[in-house]
PDB file of all heavy atoms in Angstrom:
ATOM      1  N   LYS A   1      99.168 117.745  86.343  1.00  0.00           N
ATOM      2  CA  LYS A   1      98.240 118.526  87.296  1.00  0.00           C
ATOM      3  C   LYS A   1      98.376 119.923  86.888  1.00  0.00           C
ATOM      4  O   LYS A   1      98.959 120.781  87.485  1.00  0.00           O
ATOM      5  CB  LYS A   1      98.657 118.329  88.741  1.00  0.00           C
ATOM      6  CG  LYS A   1      98.472 117.074  89.386  1.00  0.00           C
ATOM      7  CD  LYS A   1      98.865 117.216  90.850  1.00  0.00           C
ATOM      8  CE  LYS A   1      98.879 115.880  91.532  1.00  0.00           C
ATOM      9  NZ  LYS A   1      99.294 115.939  92.927  1.00  0.00           N
ATOM     10  N   PRO A   2      97.575 120.342  85.819  1.00  0.00           N
ATOM     11  CA  PRO A   2      97.648 121.786  85.375  1.00  0.00           C
ATOM     12  C   PRO A   2      97.207 122.859  86.458  1.00  0.00           C
ATOM     13  O   PRO A   2      97.578 123.945  86.531  1.00  0.00           O
ATOM     14  CB  PRO A   2      96.824 121.795  84.084  1.00  0.00           C
ATOM     15  CG  PRO A   2      95.979 120.576  84.136  1.00  0.00           C
ATOM     16  CD  PRO A   2      96.737 119.646  84.986  1.00  0.00           C
ATOM     17  N   SER A   3      96.258 122.319  87.328  1.00  0.00           N
ATOM     18  CA  SER A   3      95.765 123.276  88.362  1.00  0.00           C
ATOM     19  C   SER A   3      96.764 123.746  89.413  1.00  0.00           C
ATOM     20  O   SER A   3      96.644 124.751  90.024  1.00  0.00           O
ATOM     21  CB  SER A   3      94.526 122.650  89.076  1.00  0.00           C
ATOM     22  OG  SER A   3      94.990 121.521  89.755  1.00  0.00           O
ATOM     23  N   ARG A   4      97.885 123.009  89.400  1.00  0.00           N
ATOM     24  CA  ARG A   4      98.959 123.319  90.368  1.00  0.00           C
ATOM     25  C   ARG A   4     100.175 124.097  89.761  1.00  0.00           C
ATOM     26  O   ARG A   4     101.147 124.464  90.426  1.00  0.00           O
ATOM     27  CB  ARG A   4      99.556 122.052  90.983  1.00  0.00           C
ATOM     28  CG  ARG A   4      98.574 121.167  91.705  1.00  0.00           C
ATOM     29  CD  ARG A   4      98.676 121.331  93.235  1.00  0.00           C
ATOM     30  NE  ARG A   4     100.079 121.040  93.607  1.00  0.00           N
ATOM     31  CZ  ARG A   4     100.569 121.675  94.623  1.00  0.00           C
ATOM     32  NH1 ARG A   4      99.893 122.530  95.375  1.00  0.00           N
ATOM     33  NH2 ARG A   4     101.805 121.307  95.006  1.00  0.00           N
ATOM     34  N   ARG A   5     100.118 124.436  88.482  1.00  0.00           N
ATOM     35  CA  ARG A   5     101.241 125.057  87.779  1.00  0.00           C
ATOM     36  C   ARG A   5     101.591 126.397  88.386  1.00  0.00           C
ATOM     37  O   ARG A   5     100.650 127.183  88.624  1.00  0.00           O
ATOM     38  CB  ARG A   5     100.941 125.231  86.385  1.00  0.00           C
ATOM     39  CG  ARG A   5     100.900 123.992  85.465  1.00  0.00           C
ATOM     40  CD  ARG A   5     102.234 123.387  85.254  1.00  0.00           C
ATOM     41  NE  ARG A   5     102.075 122.354  84.226  1.00  0.00           N
ATOM     42  CZ  ARG A   5     101.497 121.244  84.391  1.00  0.00           C
ATOM     43  NH1 ARG A   5     100.969 120.842  85.551  1.00  0.00           N
ATOM     44  NH2 ARG A   5     101.416 120.375  83.377  1.00  0.00           N
ATOM     45  N   LYS A   6     102.813 126.610  88.626  1.00  0.00           N
ATOM     46  CA  LYS A   6     103.329 127.976  89.022  1.00  0.00           C
ATOM     47  C   LYS A   6     104.005 128.582  87.913  1.00  0.00           C
ATOM     48  O   LYS A   6     104.201 129.828  87.971  1.00  0.00           O
ATOM     49  CB  LYS A   6     104.267 127.772  90.228  1.00  0.00           C
ATOM     50  CG  LYS A   6     103.579 127.328  91.485  1.00  0.00           C
ATOM     51  CD  LYS A   6     104.483 127.315  92.693  1.00  0.00           C
ATOM     52  CE  LYS A   6     103.736 126.927  93.921  1.00  0.00           C
ATOM     53  NZ  LYS A   6     104.622 126.994  95.124  1.00  0.00           N
ATOM     54  N   VAL A   7     104.467 127.941  86.899  1.00  0.00           N
ATOM     55  CA  VAL A   7     105.091 128.429  85.761  1.00  0.00           C
ATOM     56  C   VAL A   7     104.382 127.809  84.451  1.00  0.00           C
ATOM     57  O   VAL A   7     103.833 126.707  84.550  1.00  0.00           O
ATOM     58  CB  VAL A   7     106.592 128.235  85.673  1.00  0.00           C
ATOM     59  CG1 VAL A   7     107.306 128.988  86.801  1.00  0.00           C
ATOM     60  CG2 VAL A   7     106.930 126.739  85.817  1.00  0.00           C
ATOM     61  N   ASP A   8     104.520 128.542  83.356  1.00  0.00           N
ATOM     62  CA  ASP A   8     103.988 127.957  82.088  1.00  0.00           C
ATOM     63  C   ASP A   8     105.052 127.142  81.521  1.00  0.00           C
ATOM     64  O   ASP A   8     106.063 127.725  80.955  1.00  0.00           O
ATOM     65  CB  ASP A   8     103.588 129.197  81.231  1.00  0.00           C
ATOM     66  CG  ASP A   8     102.946 128.659  79.925  1.00  0.00           C
ATOM     67  OD1 ASP A   8     102.303 127.683  79.995  1.00  0.00           O
ATOM     68  OD2 ASP A   8     102.971 129.478  78.921  1.00  0.00           O
ATOM     69  N   VAL A   9     104.899 125.913  81.532  1.00  0.00           N
ATOM     70  CA  VAL A   9     105.853 124.993  81.027  1.00  0.00           C
ATOM     71  C   VAL A   9     105.263 124.122  79.955  1.00  0.00           C
ATOM     72  O   VAL A   9     104.087 123.713  80.000  1.00  0.00           O
ATOM     73  CB  VAL A   9     106.419 124.079  82.156  1.00  0.00           C
ATOM     74  CG1 VAL A   9     105.377 123.207  82.789  1.00  0.00           C
ATOM     75  CG2 VAL A   9     107.662 123.240  81.690  1.00  0.00           C
ATOM     76  N   LYS A  10     106.026 123.890  78.855  1.00  0.00           N
ATOM     77  CA  LYS A  10     105.485 123.169  77.683  1.00  0.00           C
ATOM     78  C   LYS A  10     105.740 121.661  77.882  1.00  0.00           C
ATOM     79  O   LYS A  10     106.889 121.179  78.145  1.00  0.00           O
ATOM     80  CB  LYS A  10     106.187 123.672  76.365  1.00  0.00           C
ATOM     81  CG  LYS A  10     105.654 123.042  75.241  1.00  0.00           C
ATOM     82  CD  LYS A  10     106.131 123.767  73.906  1.00  0.00           C
ATOM     83  CE  LYS A  10     105.474 123.186  72.685  1.00  0.00           C
ATOM     84  NZ  LYS A  10     105.926 123.788  71.516  1.00  0.00           N
ATOM     85  N   VAL A  11     104.692 120.882  77.777  1.00  0.00           N
ATOM     86  CA  VAL A  11     104.723 119.494  77.823  1.00  0.00           C
ATOM     87  C   VAL A  11     103.982 118.965  76.575  1.00  0.00           C
ATOM     88  O   VAL A  11     102.784 119.178  76.410  1.00  0.00           O
ATOM     89  CB  VAL A  11     104.025 118.836  79.101  1.00  0.00           C
ATOM     90  CG1 VAL A  11     104.091 117.357  79.080  1.00  0.00           C
ATOM     91  CG2 VAL A  11     104.708 119.452  80.297  1.00  0.00           C
ATOM     92  N   GLU A  12     104.677 118.388  75.660  1.00  0.00           N
ATOM     93  CA  GLU A  12     104.124 117.962  74.331  1.00  0.00           C
ATOM     94  C   GLU A  12     103.227 116.727  74.467  1.00  0.00           C
ATOM     95  O   GLU A  12     102.319 116.576  73.700  1.00  0.00           O
ATOM     96  CB  GLU A  12     105.203 117.752  73.303  1.00  0.00           C
ATOM     97  CG  GLU A  12     105.812 119.075  72.794  1.00  0.00           C
ATOM     98  CD  GLU A  12     106.926 119.537  73.716  1.00  0.00           C
ATOM     99  OE1 GLU A  12     107.270 118.915  74.706  1.00  0.00           O
ATOM    100  OE2 GLU A  12     107.387 120.678  73.420  1.00  0.00           O
ATOM    101  N   TYR A  13     103.680 115.828  75.311  1.00  0.00           N
ATOM    102  CA  TYR A  13     102.985 114.449  75.329  1.00  0.00           C
ATOM    103  C   TYR A  13     102.588 114.269  76.853  1.00  0.00           C
ATOM    104  O   TYR A  13     103.371 114.201  77.721  1.00  0.00           O
ATOM    105  CB  TYR A  13     103.840 113.342  74.966  1.00  0.00           C
ATOM    106  CG  TYR A  13     104.528 113.613  73.599  1.00  0.00           C
ATOM    107  CD1 TYR A  13     105.869 113.989  73.532  1.00  0.00           C
ATOM    108  CD2 TYR A  13     103.736 113.489  72.370  1.00  0.00           C
ATOM    109  CE1 TYR A  13     106.429 114.323  72.260  1.00  0.00           C
ATOM    110  CE2 TYR A  13     104.416 113.777  71.162  1.00  0.00           C
ATOM    111  CZ  TYR A  13     105.672 114.131  71.084  1.00  0.00           C
ATOM    112  OH  TYR A  13     106.219 114.456  69.867  1.00  0.00           O
ATOM    113  N   ILE A  14     101.265 114.159  77.008  1.00  0.00           N
ATOM    114  CA  ILE A  14     100.660 113.853  78.395  1.00  0.00           C
ATOM    115  C   ILE A  14      99.863 112.606  78.394  1.00  0.00           C
ATOM    116  O   ILE A  14      98.951 112.498  77.511  1.00  0.00           O
ATOM    117  CB  ILE A  14      99.781 115.150  78.800  1.00  0.00           C
ATOM    118  CG1 ILE A  14     100.595 116.431  78.915  1.00  0.00           C
ATOM    119  CG2 ILE A  14      99.096 114.790  80.179  1.00  0.00           C
ATOM    120  CD1 ILE A  14      99.844 117.596  79.106  1.00  0.00           C
ATOM    121  N   GLY A  15     100.147 111.765  79.306  1.00  0.00           N
ATOM    122  CA  GLY A  15      99.390 110.459  79.381  1.00  0.00           C
ATOM    123  C   GLY A  15      98.024 110.728  79.908  1.00  0.00           C
ATOM    124  O   GLY A  15      97.083 110.520  79.301  1.00  0.00           O
ATOM    125  N   PHE A  16      97.918 111.350  81.116  1.00  0.00           N
ATOM    126  CA  PHE A  16      96.694 111.688  81.778  1.00  0.00           C
ATOM    127  C   PHE A  16      96.775 113.021  82.447  1.00  0.00           C
ATOM    128  O   PHE A  16      97.748 113.320  83.109  1.00  0.00           O
ATOM    129  CB  PHE A  16      96.304 110.560  82.863  1.00  0.00           C
ATOM    130  CG  PHE A  16      96.239 109.180  82.228  1.00  0.00           C
ATOM    131  CD1 PHE A  16      97.331 108.412  82.309  1.00  0.00           C
ATOM    132  CD2 PHE A  16      95.001 108.763  81.618  1.00  0.00           C
ATOM    133  CE1 PHE A  16      97.230 107.098  81.728  1.00  0.00           C
ATOM    134  CE2 PHE A  16      94.969 107.437  81.165  1.00  0.00           C
ATOM    135  CZ  PHE A  16      96.118 106.694  81.140  1.00  0.00           C
ATOM    136  N   THR A  17      95.677 113.772  82.326  1.00  0.00           N
ATOM    137  CA  THR A  17      95.533 115.046  83.139  1.00  0.00           C
ATOM    138  C   THR A  17      94.599 114.698  84.397  1.00  0.00           C
ATOM    139  O   THR A  17      93.612 114.058  84.172  1.00  0.00           O
ATOM    140  CB  THR A  17      94.896 116.103  82.271  1.00  0.00           C
ATOM    141  OG1 THR A  17      95.670 116.424  81.032  1.00  0.00           O
ATOM    142  CG2 THR A  17      94.695 117.449  83.087  1.00  0.00           C
ATOM    143  N   ILE A  18      95.162 115.016  85.568  1.00  0.00           N
ATOM    144  CA  ILE A  18      94.495 114.675  86.744  1.00  0.00           C
ATOM    145  C   ILE A  18      94.299 115.890  87.614  1.00  0.00           C
ATOM    146  O   ILE A  18      94.840 117.001  87.458  1.00  0.00           O
ATOM    147  CB  ILE A  18      95.309 113.609  87.601  1.00  0.00           C
ATOM    148  CG1 ILE A  18      96.652 114.227  88.087  1.00  0.00           C
ATOM    149  CG2 ILE A  18      95.523 112.372  86.790  1.00  0.00           C
ATOM    150  CD1 ILE A  18      97.434 113.266  89.009  1.00  0.00           C
ATOM    151  N   ALA A  19      93.307 115.739  88.510  1.00  0.00           N
ATOM    152  CA  ALA A  19      92.880 116.809  89.483  1.00  0.00           C
ATOM    153  C   ALA A  19      94.007 116.979  90.562  1.00  0.00           C
ATOM    154  O   ALA A  19      94.888 116.170  90.637  1.00  0.00           O
ATOM    155  CB  ALA A  19      91.611 116.507  90.188  1.00  0.00           C
ATOM    156  N   ASP A  20      93.919 117.942  91.304  1.00  0.00           N
ATOM    157  CA  ASP A  20      94.876 118.203  92.388  1.00  0.00           C
ATOM    158  C   ASP A  20      94.607 117.277  93.563  1.00  0.00           C
ATOM    159  O   ASP A  20      94.047 117.544  94.580  1.00  0.00           O
ATOM    160  CB  ASP A  20      94.757 119.751  92.855  1.00  0.00           C
ATOM    161  CG  ASP A  20      95.798 120.076  93.900  1.00  0.00           C
ATOM    162  OD1 ASP A  20      96.751 119.268  94.020  1.00  0.00           O
ATOM    163  OD2 ASP A  20      95.668 121.087  94.516  1.00  0.00           O
ATOM    164  N   LYS A  21      95.004 116.060  93.340  1.00  0.00           N
ATOM    165  CA  LYS A  21      94.973 114.953  94.354  1.00  0.00           C
ATOM    166  C   LYS A  21      96.423 114.460  94.560  1.00  0.00           C
ATOM    167  O   LYS A  21      97.183 114.398  93.640  1.00  0.00           O
ATOM    168  CB  LYS A  21      94.081 113.833  93.884  1.00  0.00           C
ATOM    169  CG  LYS A  21      92.713 114.254  93.488  1.00  0.00           C
ATOM    170  CD  LYS A  21      91.825 114.511  94.645  1.00  0.00           C
ATOM    171  CE  LYS A  21      90.422 114.882  94.323  1.00  0.00           C
ATOM    172  NZ  LYS A  21      89.578 115.167  95.361  1.00  0.00           N
ATOM    173  N   PHE A  22      96.669 113.838  95.733  1.00  0.00           N
ATOM    174  CA  PHE A  22      97.931 113.112  95.943  1.00  0.00           C
ATOM    175  C   PHE A  22      97.774 111.677  95.453  1.00  0.00           C
ATOM    176  O   PHE A  22      97.022 110.962  95.938  1.00  0.00           O
ATOM    177  CB  PHE A  22      98.327 113.145  97.411  1.00  0.00           C
ATOM    178  CG  PHE A  22      99.836 112.923  97.695  1.00  0.00           C
ATOM    179  CD1 PHE A  22     100.730 113.974  97.675  1.00  0.00           C
ATOM    180  CD2 PHE A  22     100.149 111.572  97.739  1.00  0.00           C
ATOM    181  CE1 PHE A  22     102.029 113.706  97.877  1.00  0.00           C
ATOM    182  CE2 PHE A  22     101.597 111.343  97.927  1.00  0.00           C
ATOM    183  CZ  PHE A  22     102.429 112.366  98.010  1.00  0.00           C
ATOM    184  N   VAL A  23      98.708 111.343  94.502  1.00  0.00           N
ATOM    185  CA  VAL A  23      98.648 109.969  93.878  1.00  0.00           C
ATOM    186  C   VAL A  23      99.920 109.157  94.232  1.00  0.00           C
ATOM    187  O   VAL A  23     101.009 109.754  94.381  1.00  0.00           O
ATOM    188  CB  VAL A  23      98.350 110.112  92.400  1.00  0.00           C
ATOM    189  CG1 VAL A  23      97.070 110.632  92.015  1.00  0.00           C
ATOM    190  CG2 VAL A  23      99.546 110.921  91.666  1.00  0.00           C
ATOM    191  N   VAL A  24      99.640 107.847  94.230  1.00  0.00           N
ATOM    192  CA  VAL A  24     100.719 106.938  94.500  1.00  0.00           C
ATOM    193  C   VAL A  24     100.644 105.785  93.507  1.00  0.00           C
ATOM    194  O   VAL A  24      99.701 105.626  92.801  1.00  0.00           O
ATOM    195  CB  VAL A  24     100.731 106.373  96.016  1.00  0.00           C
ATOM    196  CG1 VAL A  24     100.991 107.498  96.955  1.00  0.00           C
ATOM    197  CG2 VAL A  24      99.376 105.694  96.201  1.00  0.00           C
ATOM    198  N   GLY A  25     101.663 104.967  93.450  1.00  0.00           N
ATOM    199  CA  GLY A  25     101.773 103.861  92.594  1.00  0.00           C
ATOM    200  C   GLY A  25     102.631 104.170  91.394  1.00  0.00           C
ATOM    201  O   GLY A  25     103.010 105.250  91.064  1.00  0.00           O
ATOM    202  N   TYR A  26     103.049 103.017  90.725  1.00  0.00           N
ATOM    203  CA  TYR A  26     103.996 103.189  89.572  1.00  0.00           C
ATOM    204  C   TYR A  26     105.215 103.994  89.871  1.00  0.00           C
ATOM    205  O   TYR A  26     105.609 104.815  89.082  1.00  0.00           O
ATOM    206  CB  TYR A  26     103.233 103.724  88.392  1.00  0.00           C
ATOM    207  CG  TYR A  26     102.479 102.670  87.595  1.00  0.00           C
ATOM    208  CD1 TYR A  26     101.142 102.769  87.246  1.00  0.00           C
ATOM    209  CD2 TYR A  26     103.105 101.495  87.120  1.00  0.00           C
ATOM    210  CE1 TYR A  26     100.421 101.891  86.593  1.00  0.00           C
ATOM    211  CE2 TYR A  26     102.439 100.546  86.466  1.00  0.00           C
ATOM    212  CZ  TYR A  26     101.097 100.785  86.174  1.00  0.00           C
ATOM    213  OH  TYR A  26     100.335  99.811  85.425  1.00  0.00           O
ATOM    214  N   GLY A  27     105.765 103.924  91.011  1.00  0.00           N
ATOM    215  CA  GLY A  27     106.947 104.623  91.433  1.00  0.00           C
ATOM    216  C   GLY A  27     106.723 105.805  92.253  1.00  0.00           C
ATOM    217  O   GLY A  27     107.582 106.371  92.845  1.00  0.00           O
ATOM    218  N   LEU A  28     105.549 106.359  92.260  1.00  0.00           N
ATOM    219  CA  LEU A  28     105.147 107.499  93.119  1.00  0.00           C
ATOM    220  C   LEU A  28     104.778 107.049  94.446  1.00  0.00           C
ATOM    221  O   LEU A  28     104.090 106.049  94.655  1.00  0.00           O
ATOM    222  CB  LEU A  28     103.894 108.252  92.474  1.00  0.00           C
ATOM    223  CG  LEU A  28     104.082 108.689  91.065  1.00  0.00           C
ATOM    224  CD1 LEU A  28     102.737 109.100  90.562  1.00  0.00           C
ATOM    225  CD2 LEU A  28     104.999 109.849  91.041  1.00  0.00           C
ATOM    226  N   ASP A  29     105.457 107.680  95.533  1.00  0.00           N
ATOM    227  CA  ASP A  29     105.252 107.047  96.820  1.00  0.00           C
ATOM    228  C   ASP A  29     104.746 108.205  97.833  1.00  0.00           C
ATOM    229  O   ASP A  29     104.612 109.442  97.604  1.00  0.00           O
ATOM    230  CB  ASP A  29     106.639 106.647  97.324  1.00  0.00           C
ATOM    231  CG  ASP A  29     107.623 107.762  97.688  1.00  0.00           C
ATOM    232  OD1 ASP A  29     108.208 108.284  96.670  1.00  0.00           O
ATOM    233  OD2 ASP A  29     107.739 108.075  98.804  1.00  0.00           O
ATOM    234  N   TYR A  30     104.328 107.800  99.011  1.00  0.00           N
ATOM    235  CA  TYR A  30     103.900 108.470 100.076  1.00  0.00           C
ATOM    236  C   TYR A  30     104.644 108.067 101.326  1.00  0.00           C
ATOM    237  O   TYR A  30     104.414 106.897 101.734  1.00  0.00           O
ATOM    238  CB  TYR A  30     102.433 108.512 100.326  1.00  0.00           C
ATOM    239  CG  TYR A  30     101.970 109.232 101.553  1.00  0.00           C
ATOM    240  CD1 TYR A  30     101.879 110.617 101.481  1.00  0.00           C
ATOM    241  CD2 TYR A  30     101.641 108.569 102.670  1.00  0.00           C
ATOM    242  CE1 TYR A  30     101.499 111.336 102.679  1.00  0.00           C
ATOM    243  CE2 TYR A  30     101.180 109.261 103.786  1.00  0.00           C
ATOM    244  CZ  TYR A  30     101.110 110.664 103.776  1.00  0.00           C
ATOM    245  OH  TYR A  30     100.812 111.359 104.890  1.00  0.00           O
ATOM    246  N   GLY A  31     105.698 108.778 101.731  1.00  0.00           N
ATOM    247  CA  GLY A  31     106.431 108.283 102.872  1.00  0.00           C
ATOM    248  C   GLY A  31     107.158 107.008 102.694  1.00  0.00           C
ATOM    249  O   GLY A  31     107.219 106.156 103.526  1.00  0.00           O
ATOM    250  N   GLU A  32     107.774 106.806 101.345  1.00  0.00           N
ATOM    251  CA  GLU A  32     108.435 105.702 101.040  1.00  0.00           C
ATOM    252  C   GLU A  32     107.536 104.422 100.926  1.00  0.00           C
ATOM    253  O   GLU A  32     108.017 103.312 100.866  1.00  0.00           O
ATOM    254  CB  GLU A  32     109.623 105.369 101.912  1.00  0.00           C
ATOM    255  CG  GLU A  32     110.621 106.458 102.096  1.00  0.00           C
ATOM    256  CD  GLU A  32     111.354 106.715 100.680  1.00  0.00           C
ATOM    257  OE1 GLU A  32     111.670 105.729 100.039  1.00  0.00           O
ATOM    258  OE2 GLU A  32     111.603 107.956 100.354  1.00  0.00           O
ATOM    259  N   LYS A  33     106.272 104.627 100.884  1.00  0.00           N
ATOM    260  CA  LYS A  33     105.275 103.524 100.750  1.00  0.00           C
ATOM    261  C   LYS A  33     104.502 103.654  99.456  1.00  0.00           C
ATOM    262  O   LYS A  33     104.346 104.798  99.019  1.00  0.00           O
ATOM    263  CB  LYS A  33     104.372 103.451 101.988  1.00  0.00           C
ATOM    264  CG  LYS A  33     105.086 103.153 103.269  1.00  0.00           C
ATOM    265  CD  LYS A  33     104.061 103.103 104.448  1.00  0.00           C
ATOM    266  CE  LYS A  33     104.865 102.917 105.721  1.00  0.00           C
ATOM    267  NZ  LYS A  33     104.013 103.111 106.848  1.00  0.00           N
ATOM    268  N   TYR A  34     103.887 102.505  99.107  1.00  0.00           N
ATOM    269  CA  TYR A  34     102.953 102.479  97.917  1.00  0.00           C
ATOM    270  C   TYR A  34     103.594 102.663  96.551  1.00  0.00           C
ATOM    271  O   TYR A  34     102.949 102.549  95.553  1.00  0.00           O
ATOM    272  CB  TYR A  34     101.792 103.498  98.091  1.00  0.00           C
ATOM    273  CG  TYR A  34     101.131 103.519  99.454  1.00  0.00           C
ATOM    274  CD1 TYR A  34     101.284 104.564 100.325  1.00  0.00           C
ATOM    275  CD2 TYR A  34     100.443 102.379  99.882  1.00  0.00           C
ATOM    276  CE1 TYR A  34     100.650 104.597 101.517  1.00  0.00           C
ATOM    277  CE2 TYR A  34      99.847 102.328 101.104  1.00  0.00           C
ATOM    278  CZ  TYR A  34     100.012 103.463 101.994  1.00  0.00           C
ATOM    279  OH  TYR A  34      99.394 103.446 103.145  1.00  0.00           O
ATOM    280  N   ARG A  35     104.845 102.798  96.552  1.00  0.00           N
ATOM    281  CA  ARG A  35     105.542 103.037  95.154  1.00  0.00           C
ATOM    282  C   ARG A  35     105.475 101.811  94.331  1.00  0.00           C
ATOM    283  O   ARG A  35     105.432 101.934  93.146  1.00  0.00           O
ATOM    284  CB  ARG A  35     107.028 103.404  95.515  1.00  0.00           C
ATOM    285  CG  ARG A  35     108.057 102.916  94.676  1.00  0.00           C
ATOM    286  CD  ARG A  35     109.467 103.262  95.090  1.00  0.00           C
ATOM    287  NE  ARG A  35     109.672 104.149  96.283  1.00  0.00           N
ATOM    288  CZ  ARG A  35     110.136 105.450  96.127  1.00  0.00           C
ATOM    289  NH1 ARG A  35     110.384 105.939  94.978  1.00  0.00           N
ATOM    290  NH2 ARG A  35     110.316 106.215  97.156  1.00  0.00           N
ATOM    291  N   ASN A  36     105.331 100.579  94.844  1.00  0.00           N
ATOM    292  CA  ASN A  36     105.323  99.406  94.131  1.00  0.00           C
ATOM    293  C   ASN A  36     103.929  98.972  93.645  1.00  0.00           C
ATOM    294  O   ASN A  36     103.699  97.866  93.142  1.00  0.00           O
ATOM    295  CB  ASN A  36     105.953  98.209  94.979  1.00  0.00           C
ATOM    296  CG  ASN A  36     105.228  97.974  96.211  1.00  0.00           C
ATOM    297  OD1 ASN A  36     104.522  98.858  96.730  1.00  0.00           O
ATOM    298  ND2 ASN A  36     105.367  96.777  96.729  1.00  0.00           N
ATOM    299  N   LEU A  37     102.899  99.762  93.979  1.00  0.00           N
ATOM    300  CA  LEU A  37     101.644  99.444  93.433  1.00  0.00           C
ATOM    301  C   LEU A  37     101.551  99.319  91.910  1.00  0.00           C
ATOM    302  O   LEU A  37     102.191 100.158  91.200  1.00  0.00           O
ATOM    303  CB  LEU A  37     100.565 100.463  93.869  1.00  0.00           C
ATOM    304  CG  LEU A  37     100.260 100.546  95.393  1.00  0.00           C
ATOM    305  CD1 LEU A  37      99.322 101.747  95.571  1.00  0.00           C
ATOM    306  CD2 LEU A  37      99.686  99.321  95.895  1.00  0.00           C
ATOM    307  N   PRO A  38     100.883  98.334  91.368  1.00  0.00           N
ATOM    308  CA  PRO A  38     100.815  98.149  89.907  1.00  0.00           C
ATOM    309  C   PRO A  38      99.691  99.076  89.303  1.00  0.00           C
ATOM    310  O   PRO A  38      99.245  98.817  88.215  1.00  0.00           O
ATOM    311  CB  PRO A  38     100.531  96.695  89.671  1.00  0.00           C
ATOM    312  CG  PRO A  38      99.749  96.307  90.974  1.00  0.00           C
ATOM    313  CD  PRO A  38     100.316  97.174  92.070  1.00  0.00           C
ATOM    314  N   TYR A  39      99.253 100.044  89.993  1.00  0.00           N
ATOM    315  CA  TYR A  39      98.270 100.951  89.482  1.00  0.00           C
ATOM    316  C   TYR A  39      98.434 102.377  90.196  1.00  0.00           C
ATOM    317  O   TYR A  39      99.178 102.400  91.111  1.00  0.00           O
ATOM    318  CB  TYR A  39      96.790 100.435  89.792  1.00  0.00           C
ATOM    319  CG  TYR A  39      96.636 100.058  91.264  1.00  0.00           C
ATOM    320  CD1 TYR A  39      96.230 100.955  92.211  1.00  0.00           C
ATOM    321  CD2 TYR A  39      96.770  98.774  91.648  1.00  0.00           C
ATOM    322  CE1 TYR A  39      96.034 100.627  93.511  1.00  0.00           C
ATOM    323  CE2 TYR A  39      96.691  98.367  93.005  1.00  0.00           C
ATOM    324  CZ  TYR A  39      96.285  99.332  93.917  1.00  0.00           C
ATOM    325  OH  TYR A  39      96.217  98.986  95.219  1.00  0.00           O
ATOM    326  N   ILE A  40      97.785 103.296  89.745  1.00  0.00           N
ATOM    327  CA  ILE A  40      97.797 104.657  90.418  1.00  0.00           C
ATOM    328  C   ILE A  40      96.525 104.824  91.255  1.00  0.00           C
ATOM    329  O   ILE A  40      95.455 104.550  90.782  1.00  0.00           O
ATOM    330  CB  ILE A  40      97.932 105.808  89.281  1.00  0.00           C
ATOM    331  CG1 ILE A  40      99.261 105.543  88.487  1.00  0.00           C
ATOM    332  CG2 ILE A  40      97.845 107.091  89.956  1.00  0.00           C
ATOM    333  CD1 ILE A  40      99.419 106.480  87.463  1.00  0.00           C
ATOM    334  N   ALA A  41      96.814 105.236  92.560  1.00  0.00           N
ATOM    335  CA  ALA A  41      95.675 105.426  93.464  1.00  0.00           C
ATOM    336  C   ALA A  41      95.852 106.796  94.042  1.00  0.00           C
ATOM    337  O   ALA A  41      96.878 107.442  94.159  1.00  0.00           O
ATOM    338  CB  ALA A  41      95.754 104.325  94.509  1.00  0.00           C
TER     339      ALA A  41
END
């Protein structure tokens, strides 16, 4: 999420660049929920 950067940090390999949205799935959670989704939402 480059729009949220507070520091200039180098990332050589990026899967996807996304907008400033809250995402869940594939281990990312919201309140300990949705982490087990087999997709990113």
